[in-house]
Structures are given as structure tokens and as C-alpha cells.
Amino acid sequence: MEKLTNKEEEIMHILWKLEKAFVKDVLAEISEDKPHYNTLSTIIRNLEEKGYVAYNAYGKTHQYYPIIKKEDYRKRFMSNAIDSYFNNSYKNVVSFFAKEEKISVEELKEIIKLIEKNE
């Protein structure tokens, strides 16, 4: 599946939230750097071409909906990020967050407990 641009990803988050939407509905959800209606329409059509969304036609109007689940995209996104930036090592990921002080010892202990429960 083709990688999304930042703007395409932003639009996908809106479509996942709304579940079904016309271009005007998506436009109403964008608060910063609001694109022109035609630009947004082109972005959504690109998402369709990439296989992320489909639509129901109502005359000349299209109501778009995601055909890729957010969870599936998240898994793929995380796998790619871990592979690209952490040598495919989850240990390196956790170590990175610990060094950046984004995760506490208590949270690490909770993670260990979750892992132990699943074994």
C-alpha cells in the first residue's frame, strides 16, 4: 500500500473520525491551514486512488468513507517506523522513549506486567 503524505494522513484521521463524509464535511473539520475546497477534493481523490477510501455517489456528489481501518494503518505505520528508525528493535523503541523521558519506570513496570500476563 502506498505511503500517505502528511496532509493525506490528516484527512484520513478526519474520515476515520466521521466514518462517512462529503468534502465539505471534511473541510469543516480542518481548523488550521484550511485548504481550498478543490485542493481538498483532489487530496481525497488521491486517497481513493491509493486504496484508502471509497465513495457512494449521490448524483454528482460523493460521500467518502475509509476502507482501511485506523488500527490496520497504525500497525503498518508503526512497523515501518520501527524498521526505519530503530533497526526493527522494539527494545530500541522503549529505550528511546526512556532516554527522552517520555515513559516512566512505573509505566515500564506496567508494560512488563502486561507482557507477563500474555505469556
PDB file of N, CA and C in Angstrom:
ATOM      1  N   MET A   1       0.848  -1.193   0.000  1.00  0.00           N
ATOM      2  CA  MET A   1       0.000   0.000   0.000  1.00  0.00           C
ATOM      3  C   MET A   1       0.885   1.245   0.000  1.00  0.00           C
ATOM      4  N   GLU A   2       0.505   2.213  -0.790  1.00  0.00           N
ATOM      5  CA  GLU A   2       1.297   3.426  -0.968  1.00  0.00           C
ATOM      6  C   GLU A   2       1.286   4.294   0.296  1.00  0.00           C
ATOM      7  N   LYS A   3       2.434   4.894   0.585  1.00  0.00           N
ATOM      8  CA  LYS A   3       2.592   5.746   1.763  1.00  0.00           C
ATOM      9  C   LYS A   3       1.768   7.030   1.601  1.00  0.00           C
ATOM     10  N   LEU A   4       1.279   7.542   2.719  1.00  0.00           N
ATOM     11  CA  LEU A   4       0.496   8.776   2.711  1.00  0.00           C
ATOM     12  C   LEU A   4       1.371   9.980   2.994  1.00  0.00           C
ATOM     13  N   THR A   5       1.010  11.116   2.389  1.00  0.00           N
ATOM     14  CA  THR A   5       1.655  12.377   2.745  1.00  0.00           C
ATOM     15  C   THR A   5       1.080  12.815   4.096  1.00  0.00           C
ATOM     16  N   ASN A   6       1.709  13.799   4.718  1.00  0.00           N
ATOM     17  CA  ASN A   6       1.196  14.310   6.000  1.00  0.00           C
ATOM     18  C   ASN A   6      -0.237  14.813   5.860  1.00  0.00           C
ATOM     19  N   LYS A   7      -0.527  15.534   4.780  1.00  0.00           N
ATOM     20  CA  LYS A   7      -1.869  16.083   4.574  1.00  0.00           C
ATOM     21  C   LYS A   7      -2.876  14.960   4.344  1.00  0.00           C
ATOM     22  N   GLU A   8      -2.490  13.944   3.573  1.00  0.00           N
ATOM     23  CA  GLU A   8      -3.379  12.810   3.345  1.00  0.00           C
ATOM     24  C   GLU A   8      -3.678  12.090   4.657  1.00  0.00           C
ATOM     25  N   GLU A   9      -2.657  11.939   5.480  1.00  0.00           N
ATOM     26  CA  GLU A   9      -2.846  11.285   6.772  1.00  0.00           C
ATOM     27  C   GLU A   9      -3.790  12.101   7.655  1.00  0.00           C
ATOM     28  N   GLU A  10      -3.631  13.413   7.630  1.00  0.00           N
ATOM     29  CA  GLU A  10      -4.525  14.288   8.396  1.00  0.00           C
ATOM     30  C   GLU A  10      -5.976  14.095   7.937  1.00  0.00           C
ATOM     31  N   ILE A  11      -6.184  14.007   6.635  1.00  0.00           N
ATOM     32  CA  ILE A  11      -7.530  13.822   6.083  1.00  0.00           C
ATOM     33  C   ILE A  11      -8.075  12.446   6.472  1.00  0.00           C
ATOM     34  N   MET A  12      -7.217  11.425   6.459  1.00  0.00           N
ATOM     35  CA  MET A  12      -7.659  10.087   6.861  1.00  0.00           C
ATOM     36  C   MET A  12      -8.125  10.087   8.314  1.00  0.00           C
ATOM     37  N   HIS A  13      -7.434  10.800   9.191  1.00  0.00           N
ATOM     38  CA  HIS A  13      -7.853  10.866  10.598  1.00  0.00           C
ATOM     39  C   HIS A  13      -9.248  11.485  10.703  1.00  0.00           C
ATOM     40  N   ILE A  14      -9.513  12.476   9.881  1.00  0.00           N
ATOM     41  CA  ILE A  14     -10.848  13.097   9.877  1.00  0.00           C
ATOM     42  C   ILE A  14     -11.882  12.093   9.371  1.00  0.00           C
ATOM     43  N   LEU A  15     -11.564  11.375   8.286  1.00  0.00           N
ATOM     44  CA  LEU A  15     -12.509  10.393   7.752  1.00  0.00           C
ATOM     45  C   LEU A  15     -12.735   9.235   8.730  1.00  0.00           C
ATOM     46  N   TRP A  16     -11.696   8.807   9.434  1.00  0.00           N
ATOM     47  CA  TRP A  16     -11.891   7.764  10.453  1.00  0.00           C
ATOM     48  C   TRP A  16     -12.822   8.276  11.545  1.00  0.00           C
ATOM     49  N   LYS A  17     -12.660   9.539  11.914  1.00  0.00           N
ATOM     50  CA  LYS A  17     -13.500  10.127  12.967  1.00  0.00           C
ATOM     51  C   LYS A  17     -14.952  10.241  12.498  1.00  0.00           C
ATOM     52  N   LEU A  18     -15.165  10.755  11.276  1.00  0.00           N
ATOM     53  CA  LEU A  18     -16.514  10.995  10.773  1.00  0.00           C
ATOM     54  C   LEU A  18     -17.182   9.731  10.221  1.00  0.00           C
ATOM     55  N   GLU A  19     -16.394   8.765   9.815  1.00  0.00           N
ATOM     56  CA  GLU A  19     -16.822   7.498   9.220  1.00  0.00           C
ATOM     57  C   GLU A  19     -17.344   7.635   7.795  1.00  0.00           C
ATOM     58  N   LYS A  20     -18.173   8.619   7.518  1.00  0.00           N
ATOM     59  CA  LYS A  20     -18.621   8.943   6.152  1.00  0.00           C
ATOM     60  C   LYS A  20     -18.713  10.447   6.065  1.00  0.00           C
ATOM     61  N   ALA A  21     -18.242  11.010   4.934  1.00  0.00           N
ATOM     62  CA  ALA A  21     -18.257  12.472   4.850  1.00  0.00           C
ATOM     63  C   ALA A  21     -18.178  12.953   3.404  1.00  0.00           C
ATOM     64  N   PHE A  22     -18.832  14.063   3.168  1.00  0.00           N
ATOM     65  CA  PHE A  22     -18.671  14.782   1.915  1.00  0.00           C
ATOM     66  C   PHE A  22     -17.453  15.692   2.074  1.00  0.00           C
ATOM     67  N   VAL A  23     -16.917  16.198   0.980  1.00  0.00           N
ATOM     68  CA  VAL A  23     -15.734  17.061   1.041  1.00  0.00           C
ATOM     69  C   VAL A  23     -15.993  18.237   1.977  1.00  0.00           C
ATOM     70  N   LYS A  24     -17.179  18.826   1.907  1.00  0.00           N
ATOM     71  CA  LYS A  24     -17.496  19.989   2.770  1.00  0.00           C
ATOM     72  C   LYS A  24     -17.444  19.621   4.253  1.00  0.00           C
ATOM     73  N   ASP A  25     -17.814  18.386   4.588  1.00  0.00           N
ATOM     74  CA  ASP A  25     -17.768  17.928   5.985  1.00  0.00           C
ATOM     75  C   ASP A  25     -16.322  17.819   6.467  1.00  0.00           C
ATOM     76  N   VAL A  26     -15.456  17.297   5.599  1.00  0.00           N
ATOM     77  CA  VAL A  26     -14.035  17.183   5.939  1.00  0.00           C
ATOM     78  C   VAL A  26     -13.446  18.573   6.099  1.00  0.00           C
ATOM     79  N   LEU A  27     -13.781  19.464   5.182  1.00  0.00           N
ATOM     80  CA  LEU A  27     -13.277  20.840   5.217  1.00  0.00           C
ATOM     81  C   LEU A  27     -13.662  21.520   6.529  1.00  0.00           C
ATOM     82  N   ALA A  28     -14.866  21.280   7.008  1.00  0.00           N
ATOM     83  CA  ALA A  28     -15.349  21.890   8.254  1.00  0.00           C
ATOM     84  C   ALA A  28     -14.551  21.414   9.471  1.00  0.00           C
ATOM     85  N   GLU A  29     -13.925  20.243   9.383  1.00  0.00           N
ATOM     86  CA  GLU A  29     -13.149  19.684  10.496  1.00  0.00           C
ATOM     87  C   GLU A  29     -11.729  20.240  10.575  1.00  0.00           C
ATOM     88  N   ILE A  30     -11.269  20.863   9.505  1.00  0.00           N
ATOM     89  CA  ILE A  30      -9.894  21.368   9.467  1.00  0.00           C
ATOM     90  C   ILE A  30      -9.861  22.768  10.054  1.00  0.00           C
ATOM     91  N   SER A  31      -9.058  22.942  11.114  1.00  0.00           N
ATOM     92  CA  SER A  31      -9.031  24.237  11.783  1.00  0.00           C
ATOM     93  C   SER A  31      -7.854  25.107  11.337  1.00  0.00           C
ATOM     94  N   GLU A  32      -6.697  24.478  11.081  1.00  0.00           N
ATOM     95  CA  GLU A  32      -5.516  25.250  10.680  1.00  0.00           C
ATOM     96  C   GLU A  32      -5.122  24.899   9.255  1.00  0.00           C
ATOM     97  N   ASP A  33      -4.577  25.879   8.551  1.00  0.00           N
ATOM     98  CA  ASP A  33      -4.131  25.682   7.165  1.00  0.00           C
ATOM     99  C   ASP A  33      -5.233  25.032   6.327  1.00  0.00           C
ATOM    100  N   LYS A  34      -6.414  25.615   6.399  1.00  0.00           N
ATOM    101  CA  LYS A  34      -7.565  25.083   5.666  1.00  0.00           C
ATOM    102  C   LYS A  34      -7.308  25.186   4.162  1.00  0.00           C
ATOM    103  N   PRO A  35      -7.309  24.034   3.469  1.00  0.00           N
ATOM    104  CA  PRO A  35      -7.075  24.080   2.015  1.00  0.00           C
ATOM    105  C   PRO A  35      -8.314  24.582   1.279  1.00  0.00           C
ATOM    106  N   HIS A  36      -8.139  24.953   0.031  1.00  0.00           N
ATOM    107  CA  HIS A  36      -9.264  25.307  -0.829  1.00  0.00           C
ATOM    108  C   HIS A  36     -10.095  24.044  -1.055  1.00  0.00           C
ATOM    109  N   TYR A  37     -11.378  24.198  -1.259  1.00  0.00           N
ATOM    110  CA  TYR A  37     -12.280  23.067  -1.472  1.00  0.00           C
ATOM    111  C   TYR A  37     -11.756  22.143  -2.577  1.00  0.00           C
ATOM    112  N   ASN A  38     -11.345  22.715  -3.717  1.00  0.00           N
ATOM    113  CA  ASN A  38     -10.871  21.896  -4.846  1.00  0.00           C
ATOM    114  C   ASN A  38      -9.589  21.136  -4.497  1.00  0.00           C
ATOM    115  N   THR A  39      -8.713  21.766  -3.724  1.00  0.00           N
ATOM    116  CA  THR A  39      -7.476  21.107  -3.288  1.00  0.00           C
ATOM    117  C   THR A  39      -7.810  19.913  -2.411  1.00  0.00           C
ATOM    118  N   LEU A  40      -8.722  20.109  -1.467  1.00  0.00           N
ATOM    119  CA  LEU A  40      -9.137  19.025  -0.579  1.00  0.00           C
ATOM    120  C   LEU A  40      -9.787  17.898  -1.380  1.00  0.00           C
ATOM    121  N   SER A  41     -10.606  18.252  -2.334  1.00  0.00           N
ATOM    122  CA  SER A  41     -11.248  17.257  -3.181  1.00  0.00           C
ATOM    123  C   SER A  41     -10.201  16.414  -3.914  1.00  0.00           C
ATOM    124  N   THR A  42      -9.155  17.059  -4.399  1.00  0.00           N
ATOM    125  CA  THR A  42      -8.068  16.350  -5.083  1.00  0.00           C
ATOM    126  C   THR A  42      -7.342  15.411  -4.118  1.00  0.00           C
ATOM    127  N   ILE A  43      -7.081  15.874  -2.900  1.00  0.00           N
ATOM    128  CA  ILE A  43      -6.413  15.037  -1.891  1.00  0.00           C
ATOM    129  C   ILE A  43      -7.253  13.789  -1.620  1.00  0.00           C
ATOM    130  N   ILE A  44      -8.551  13.964  -1.468  1.00  0.00           N
ATOM    131  CA  ILE A  44      -9.429  12.827  -1.173  1.00  0.00           C
ATOM    132  C   ILE A  44      -9.479  11.869  -2.364  1.00  0.00           C
ATOM    133  N   ARG A  45      -9.501  12.407  -3.584  1.00  0.00           N
ATOM    134  CA  ARG A  45      -9.468  11.531  -4.765  1.00  0.00           C
ATOM    135  C   ARG A  45      -8.151  10.755  -4.832  1.00  0.00           C
ATOM    136  N   ASN A  46      -7.047  11.397  -4.409  1.00  0.00           N
ATOM    137  CA  ASN A  46      -5.760  10.695  -4.343  1.00  0.00           C
ATOM    138  C   ASN A  46      -5.823   9.546  -3.343  1.00  0.00           C
ATOM    139  N   LEU A  47      -6.490   9.776  -2.210  1.00  0.00           N
ATOM    140  CA  LEU A  47      -6.665   8.720  -1.206  1.00  0.00           C
ATOM    141  C   LEU A  47      -7.468   7.557  -1.788  1.00  0.00           C
ATOM    142  N   GLU A  48      -8.423   7.885  -2.628  1.00  0.00           N
ATOM    143  CA  GLU A  48      -9.202   6.842  -3.294  1.00  0.00           C
ATOM    144  C   GLU A  48      -8.304   6.040  -4.244  1.00  0.00           C
ATOM    145  N   GLU A  49      -7.498   6.747  -5.040  1.00  0.00           N
ATOM    146  CA  GLU A  49      -6.592   6.084  -5.985  1.00  0.00           C
ATOM    147  C   GLU A  49      -5.578   5.191  -5.261  1.00  0.00           C
ATOM    148  N   LYS A  50      -5.154   5.612  -4.065  1.00  0.00           N
ATOM    149  CA  LYS A  50      -4.190   4.836  -3.285  1.00  0.00           C
ATOM    150  C   LYS A  50      -4.842   3.664  -2.549  1.00  0.00           C
ATOM    151  N   GLY A  51      -6.179   3.581  -2.601  1.00  0.00           N
ATOM    152  CA  GLY A  51      -6.877   2.463  -1.975  1.00  0.00           C
ATOM    153  C   GLY A  51      -7.232   2.651  -0.518  1.00  0.00           C
ATOM    154  N   TYR A  52      -7.268   3.889  -0.056  1.00  0.00           N
ATOM    155  CA  TYR A  52      -7.591   4.153   1.346  1.00  0.00           C
ATOM    156  C   TYR A  52      -9.060   4.494   1.565  1.00  0.00           C
ATOM    157  N   VAL A  53      -9.708   5.069   0.564  1.00  0.00           N
ATOM    158  CA  VAL A  53     -11.118   5.452   0.698  1.00  0.00           C
ATOM    159  C   VAL A  53     -11.904   5.013  -0.538  1.00  0.00           C
ATOM    160  N   ALA A  54     -13.205   4.927  -0.337  1.00  0.00           N
ATOM    161  CA  ALA A  54     -14.140   4.678  -1.431  1.00  0.00           C
ATOM    162  C   ALA A  54     -15.276   5.688  -1.257  1.00  0.00           C
ATOM    163  N   TYR A  55     -16.248   5.638  -2.147  1.00  0.00           N
ATOM    164  CA  TYR A  55     -17.329   6.615  -2.029  1.00  0.00           C
ATOM    165  C   TYR A  55     -18.650   6.038  -2.505  1.00  0.00           C
ATOM    166  N   ASN A  56     -19.712   6.674  -2.031  1.00  0.00           N
ATOM    167  CA  ASN A  56     -21.056   6.460  -2.546  1.00  0.00           C
ATOM    168  C   ASN A  56     -21.393   7.709  -3.335  1.00  0.00           C
ATOM    169  N   ALA A  57     -21.904   7.531  -4.551  1.00  0.00           N
ATOM    170  CA  ALA A  57     -22.249   8.675  -5.393  1.00  0.00           C
ATOM    171  C   ALA A  57     -23.715   9.029  -5.211  1.00  0.00           C
ATOM    172  N   TYR A  58     -23.963  10.319  -5.044  1.00  0.00           N
ATOM    173  CA  TYR A  58     -25.314  10.858  -4.979  1.00  0.00           C
ATOM    174  C   TYR A  58     -25.386  11.935  -6.043  1.00  0.00           C
ATOM    175  N   GLY A  59     -25.764  11.558  -7.248  1.00  0.00           N
ATOM    176  CA  GLY A  59     -25.694  12.491  -8.371  1.00  0.00           C
ATOM    177  C   GLY A  59     -24.242  12.801  -8.651  1.00  0.00           C
ATOM    178  N   LYS A  60     -23.907  14.077  -8.649  1.00  0.00           N
ATOM    179  CA  LYS A  60     -22.524  14.492  -8.889  1.00  0.00           C
ATOM    180  C   LYS A  60     -21.724  14.606  -7.594  1.00  0.00           C
ATOM    181  N   THR A  61     -22.366  14.352  -6.476  1.00  0.00           N
ATOM    182  CA  THR A  61     -21.717  14.480  -5.173  1.00  0.00           C
ATOM    183  C   THR A  61     -21.271  13.111  -4.681  1.00  0.00           C
ATOM    184  N   HIS A  62     -20.102  13.084  -4.043  1.00  0.00           N
ATOM    185  CA  HIS A  62     -19.582  11.834  -3.495  1.00  0.00           C
ATOM    186  C   HIS A  62     -19.461  11.918  -1.982  1.00  0.00           C
ATOM    187  N   GLN A  63     -19.909  10.880  -1.322  1.00  0.00           N
ATOM    188  CA  GLN A  63     -19.724  10.755   0.124  1.00  0.00           C
ATOM    189  C   GLN A  63     -18.632   9.702   0.322  1.00  0.00           C
ATOM    190  N   TYR A  64     -17.525  10.124   0.918  1.00  0.00           N
ATOM    191  CA  TYR A  64     -16.353   9.270   1.062  1.00  0.00           C
ATOM    192  C   TYR A  64     -16.351   8.554   2.406  1.00  0.00           C
ATOM    193  N   TYR A  65     -15.740   7.369   2.412  1.00  0.00           N
ATOM    194  CA  TYR A  65     -15.587   6.621   3.655  1.00  0.00           C
ATOM    195  C   TYR A  65     -14.286   5.817   3.584  1.00  0.00           C
ATOM    196  N   PRO A  66     -13.637   5.626   4.739  1.00  0.00           N
ATOM    197  CA  PRO A  66     -12.372   4.878   4.755  1.00  0.00           C
ATOM    198  C   PRO A  66     -12.620   3.387   4.504  1.00  0.00           C
ATOM    199  N   ILE A  67     -11.732   2.765   3.732  1.00  0.00           N
ATOM    200  CA  ILE A  67     -11.827   1.314   3.546  1.00  0.00           C
ATOM    201  C   ILE A  67     -10.643   0.617   4.222  1.00  0.00           C
ATOM    202  N   ILE A  68      -9.749   1.408   4.778  1.00  0.00           N
ATOM    203  CA  ILE A  68      -8.650   0.897   5.598  1.00  0.00           C
ATOM    204  C   ILE A  68      -8.961   1.277   7.039  1.00  0.00           C
ATOM    205  N   LYS A  69      -8.952   0.308   7.928  1.00  0.00           N
ATOM    206  CA  LYS A  69      -9.208   0.597   9.338  1.00  0.00           C
ATOM    207  C   LYS A  69      -8.023   1.354   9.928  1.00  0.00           C
ATOM    208  N   LYS A  70      -8.338   2.244  10.860  1.00  0.00           N
ATOM    209  CA  LYS A  70      -7.299   3.022  11.534  1.00  0.00           C
ATOM    210  C   LYS A  70      -6.293   2.102  12.220  1.00  0.00           C
ATOM    211  N   GLU A  71      -6.772   1.031  12.830  1.00  0.00           N
ATOM    212  CA  GLU A  71      -5.893   0.099  13.536  1.00  0.00           C
ATOM    213  C   GLU A  71      -4.905  -0.566  12.573  1.00  0.00           C
ATOM    214  N   ASP A  72      -5.399  -0.935  11.381  1.00  0.00           N
ATOM    215  CA  ASP A  72      -4.527  -1.560  10.383  1.00  0.00           C
ATOM    216  C   ASP A  72      -3.463  -0.582   9.895  1.00  0.00           C
ATOM    217  N   TYR A  73      -3.879   0.664   9.686  1.00  0.00           N
ATOM    218  CA  TYR A  73      -2.914   1.676   9.256  1.00  0.00           C
ATOM    219  C   TYR A  73      -1.877   1.923  10.354  1.00  0.00           C
ATOM    220  N   ARG A  74      -2.337   1.994  11.598  1.00  0.00           N
ATOM    221  CA  ARG A  74      -1.435   2.230  12.733  1.00  0.00           C
ATOM    222  C   ARG A  74      -0.389   1.116  12.826  1.00  0.00           C
ATOM    223  N   LYS A  75      -0.824  -0.134  12.691  1.00  0.00           N
ATOM    224  CA  LYS A  75       0.116  -1.255  12.742  1.00  0.00           C
ATOM    225  C   LYS A  75       1.187  -1.121  11.657  1.00  0.00           C
ATOM    226  N   ARG A  76       0.736  -0.825  10.442  1.00  0.00           N
ATOM    227  CA  ARG A  76       1.677  -0.690   9.324  1.00  0.00           C
ATOM    228  C   ARG A  76       2.609   0.492   9.525  1.00  0.00           C
ATOM    229  N   PHE A  77       2.051   1.614   9.984  1.00  0.00           N
ATOM    230  CA  PHE A  77       2.832   2.822  10.234  1.00  0.00           C
ATOM    231  C   PHE A  77       3.895   2.558  11.295  1.00  0.00           C
ATOM    232  N   MET A  78       3.490   1.925  12.392  1.00  0.00           N
ATOM    233  CA  MET A  78       4.433   1.648  13.475  1.00  0.00           C
ATOM    234  C   MET A  78       5.505   0.657  13.040  1.00  0.00           C
ATOM    235  N   SER A  79       5.109  -0.369  12.318  1.00  0.00           N
ATOM    236  CA  SER A  79       6.093  -1.348  11.822  1.00  0.00           C
ATOM    237  C   SER A  79       7.131  -0.674  10.936  1.00  0.00           C
ATOM    238  N   ASN A  80       6.662   0.204  10.042  1.00  0.00           N
ATOM    239  CA  ASN A  80       7.588   0.934   9.159  1.00  0.00           C
ATOM    240  C   ASN A  80       8.509   1.850   9.951  1.00  0.00           C
ATOM    241  N   ALA A  81       7.961   2.553  10.936  1.00  0.00           N
ATOM    242  CA  ALA A  81       8.767   3.474  11.747  1.00  0.00           C
ATOM    243  C   ALA A  81       9.804   2.703  12.561  1.00  0.00           C
ATOM    244  N   ILE A  82       9.394   1.599  13.156  1.00  0.00           N
ATOM    245  CA  ILE A  82      10.327   0.806  13.968  1.00  0.00           C
ATOM    246  C   ILE A  82      11.419   0.212  13.097  1.00  0.00           C
ATOM    247  N   ASP A  83      11.037  -0.236  11.914  1.00  0.00           N
ATOM    248  CA  ASP A  83      12.024  -0.778  10.979  1.00  0.00           C
ATOM    249  C   ASP A  83      12.986   0.313  10.507  1.00  0.00           C
ATOM    250  N   SER A  84      12.444   1.477  10.135  1.00  0.00           N
ATOM    251  CA  SER A  84      13.258   2.553   9.560  1.00  0.00           C
ATOM    252  C   SER A  84      14.134   3.278  10.573  1.00  0.00           C
ATOM    253  N   TYR A  85      13.624   3.491  11.780  1.00  0.00           N
ATOM    254  CA  TYR A  85      14.327   4.343  12.737  1.00  0.00           C
ATOM    255  C   TYR A  85      14.941   3.614  13.932  1.00  0.00           C
ATOM    256  N   PHE A  86      14.552   2.353  14.137  1.00  0.00           N
ATOM    257  CA  PHE A  86      15.018   1.643  15.329  1.00  0.00           C
ATOM    258  C   PHE A  86      15.588   0.259  15.018  1.00  0.00           C
ATOM    259  N   ASN A  87      16.044   0.064  13.781  1.00  0.00           N
ATOM    260  CA  ASN A  87      16.631  -1.223  13.364  1.00  0.00           C
ATOM    261  C   ASN A  87      15.723  -2.408  13.678  1.00  0.00           C
ATOM    262  N   ASN A  88      14.426  -2.188  13.533  1.00  0.00           N
ATOM    263  CA  ASN A  88      13.418  -3.231  13.765  1.00  0.00           C
ATOM    264  C   ASN A  88      13.496  -3.809  15.183  1.00  0.00           C
ATOM    265  N   SER A  89      13.912  -2.968  16.142  1.00  0.00           N
ATOM    266  CA  SER A  89      14.061  -3.414  17.527  1.00  0.00           C
ATOM    267  C   SER A  89      13.103  -2.654  18.439  1.00  0.00           C
ATOM    268  N   TYR A  90      12.178  -3.399  19.050  1.00  0.00           N
ATOM    269  CA  TYR A  90      11.244  -2.784  19.994  1.00  0.00           C
ATOM    270  C   TYR A  90      11.981  -2.351  21.258  1.00  0.00           C
ATOM    271  N   LYS A  91      13.047  -3.051  21.576  1.00  0.00           N
ATOM    272  CA  LYS A  91      13.882  -2.656  22.716  1.00  0.00           C
ATOM    273  C   LYS A  91      14.442  -1.258  22.471  1.00  0.00           C
ATOM    274  N   ASN A  92      14.899  -0.994  21.243  1.00  0.00           N
ATOM    275  CA  ASN A  92      15.416   0.332  20.905  1.00  0.00           C
ATOM    276  C   ASN A  92      14.326   1.402  21.012  1.00  0.00           C
ATOM    277  N   VAL A  93      13.103   1.034  20.672  1.00  0.00           N
ATOM    278  CA  VAL A  93      11.975   1.978  20.774  1.00  0.00           C
ATOM    279  C   VAL A  93      11.749   2.357  22.233  1.00  0.00           C
ATOM    280  N   VAL A  94      11.644   1.363  23.096  1.00  0.00           N
ATOM    281  CA  VAL A  94      11.396   1.616  24.516  1.00  0.00           C
ATOM    282  C   VAL A  94      12.561   2.394  25.124  1.00  0.00           C
ATOM    283  N   SER A  95      13.776   2.016  24.741  1.00  0.00           N
ATOM    284  CA  SER A  95      14.966   2.707  25.226  1.00  0.00           C
ATOM    285  C   SER A  95      14.943   4.183  24.810  1.00  0.00           C
ATOM    286  N   PHE A  96      14.543   4.440  23.569  1.00  0.00           N
ATOM    287  CA  PHE A  96      14.441   5.817  23.071  1.00  0.00           C
ATOM    288  C   PHE A  96      13.483   6.636  23.937  1.00  0.00           C
ATOM    289  N   PHE A  97      12.302   6.084  24.202  1.00  0.00           N
ATOM    290  CA  PHE A  97      11.306   6.812  25.000  1.00  0.00           C
ATOM    291  C   PHE A  97      11.771   6.985  26.443  1.00  0.00           C
ATOM    292  N   ALA A  98      12.484   6.015  26.967  1.00  0.00           N
ATOM    293  CA  ALA A  98      13.013   6.141  28.326  1.00  0.00           C
ATOM    294  C   ALA A  98      14.061   7.254  28.377  1.00  0.00           C
ATOM    295  N   LYS A  99      14.969   7.290  27.405  1.00  0.00           N
ATOM    296  CA  LYS A  99      16.004   8.329  27.368  1.00  0.00           C
ATOM    297  C   LYS A  99      15.400   9.721  27.188  1.00  0.00           C
ATOM    298  N   GLU A 100      14.335   9.791  26.415  1.00  0.00           N
ATOM    299  CA  GLU A 100      13.663  11.078  26.174  1.00  0.00           C
ATOM    300  C   GLU A 100      12.723  11.452  27.321  1.00  0.00           C
ATOM    301  N   GLU A 101      12.675  10.594  28.338  1.00  0.00           N
ATOM    302  CA  GLU A 101      11.810  10.775  29.497  1.00  0.00           C
ATOM    303  C   GLU A 101      10.337  10.890  29.118  1.00  0.00           C
ATOM    304  N   LYS A 102       9.947  10.093  28.109  1.00  0.00           N
ATOM    305  CA  LYS A 102       8.553  10.054  27.664  1.00  0.00           C
ATOM    306  C   LYS A 102       7.805   8.893  28.302  1.00  0.00           C
ATOM    307  N   ILE A 103       8.557   8.041  29.018  1.00  0.00           N
ATOM    308  CA  ILE A 103       7.950   6.892  29.681  1.00  0.00           C
ATOM    309  C   ILE A 103       8.600   6.751  31.054  1.00  0.00           C
ATOM    310  N   SER A 104       7.780   6.480  32.045  1.00  0.00           N
ATOM    311  CA  SER A 104       8.287   6.386  33.423  1.00  0.00           C
ATOM    312  C   SER A 104       8.603   4.937  33.790  1.00  0.00           C
ATOM    313  N   VAL A 105       9.307   4.776  34.889  1.00  0.00           N
ATOM    314  CA  VAL A 105       9.617   3.443  35.404  1.00  0.00           C
ATOM    315  C   VAL A 105       8.317   2.708  35.732  1.00  0.00           C
ATOM    316  N   GLU A 106       7.355   3.433  36.301  1.00  0.00           N
ATOM    317  CA  GLU A 106       6.072   2.825  36.636  1.00  0.00           C
ATOM    318  C   GLU A 106       5.374   2.303  35.388  1.00  0.00           C
ATOM    319  N   GLU A 107       5.414   3.096  34.315  1.00  0.00           N
ATOM    320  CA  GLU A 107       4.795   2.661  33.063  1.00  0.00           C
ATOM    321  C   GLU A 107       5.514   1.447  32.488  1.00  0.00           C
ATOM    322  N   LEU A 108       6.838   1.421  32.582  1.00  0.00           N
ATOM    323  CA  LEU A 108       7.606   0.263  32.123  1.00  0.00           C
ATOM    324  C   LEU A 108       7.224  -0.991  32.916  1.00  0.00           C
ATOM    325  N   LYS A 109       7.042  -0.826  34.228  1.00  0.00           N
ATOM    326  CA  LYS A 109       6.631  -1.959  35.061  1.00  0.00           C
ATOM    327  C   LYS A 109       5.243  -2.469  34.648  1.00  0.00           C
ATOM    328  N   GLU A 110       4.343  -1.530  34.329  1.00  0.00           N
ATOM    329  CA  GLU A 110       3.005  -1.917  33.862  1.00  0.00           C
ATOM    330  C   GLU A 110       3.095  -2.696  32.554  1.00  0.00           C
ATOM    331  N   ILE A 111       3.971  -2.247  31.669  1.00  0.00           N
ATOM    332  CA  ILE A 111       4.166  -2.932  30.381  1.00  0.00           C
ATOM    333  C   ILE A 111       4.687  -4.336  30.605  1.00  0.00           C
ATOM    334  N   ILE A 112       5.640  -4.487  31.516  1.00  0.00           N
ATOM    335  CA  ILE A 112       6.191  -5.810  31.832  1.00  0.00           C
ATOM    336  C   ILE A 112       5.087  -6.732  32.364  1.00  0.00           C
ATOM    337  N   LYS A 113       4.216  -6.193  33.237  1.00  0.00           N
ATOM    338  CA  LYS A 113       3.110  -6.990  33.761  1.00  0.00           C
ATOM    339  C   LYS A 113       2.175  -7.437  32.651  1.00  0.00           C
ATOM    340  N   LEU A 114       1.895  -6.534  31.703  1.00  0.00           N
ATOM    341  CA  LEU A 114       1.026  -6.884  30.572  1.00  0.00           C
ATOM    342  C   LEU A 114       1.643  -7.991  29.729  1.00  0.00           C
ATOM    343  N   ILE A 115       2.942  -7.886  29.498  1.00  0.00           N
ATOM    344  CA  ILE A 115       3.647  -8.902  28.717  1.00  0.00           C
ATOM    345  C   ILE A 115       3.609 -10.239  29.434  1.00  0.00           C
ATOM    346  N   GLU A 116       3.863 -10.214  30.736  1.00  0.00           N
ATOM    347  CA  GLU A 116       3.861 -11.454  31.522  1.00  0.00           C
ATOM    348  C   GLU A 116       2.476 -12.111  31.530  1.00  0.00           C
ATOM    349  N   LYS A 117       1.406 -11.322  31.544  1.00  0.00           N
ATOM    350  CA  LYS A 117       0.050 -11.873  31.520  1.00  0.00           C
ATOM    351  C   LYS A 117      -0.239 -12.587  30.200  1.00  0.00           C
ATOM    352  N   ASN A 118       0.327 -12.074  29.111  1.00  0.00           N
ATOM    353  CA  ASN A 118       0.079 -12.653  27.797  1.00  0.00           C
ATOM    354  C   ASN A 118       0.879 -13.910  27.508  1.00  0.00           C
ATOM    355  N   GLU A 119       1.855 -14.212  28.337  1.00  0.00           N
ATOM    356  CA  GLU A 119       2.684 -15.397  28.089  1.00  0.00           C
ATOM    357  C   GLU A 119       2.002 -16.663  28.541  1.00  0.00           C
TER     358      GLU A 119
END
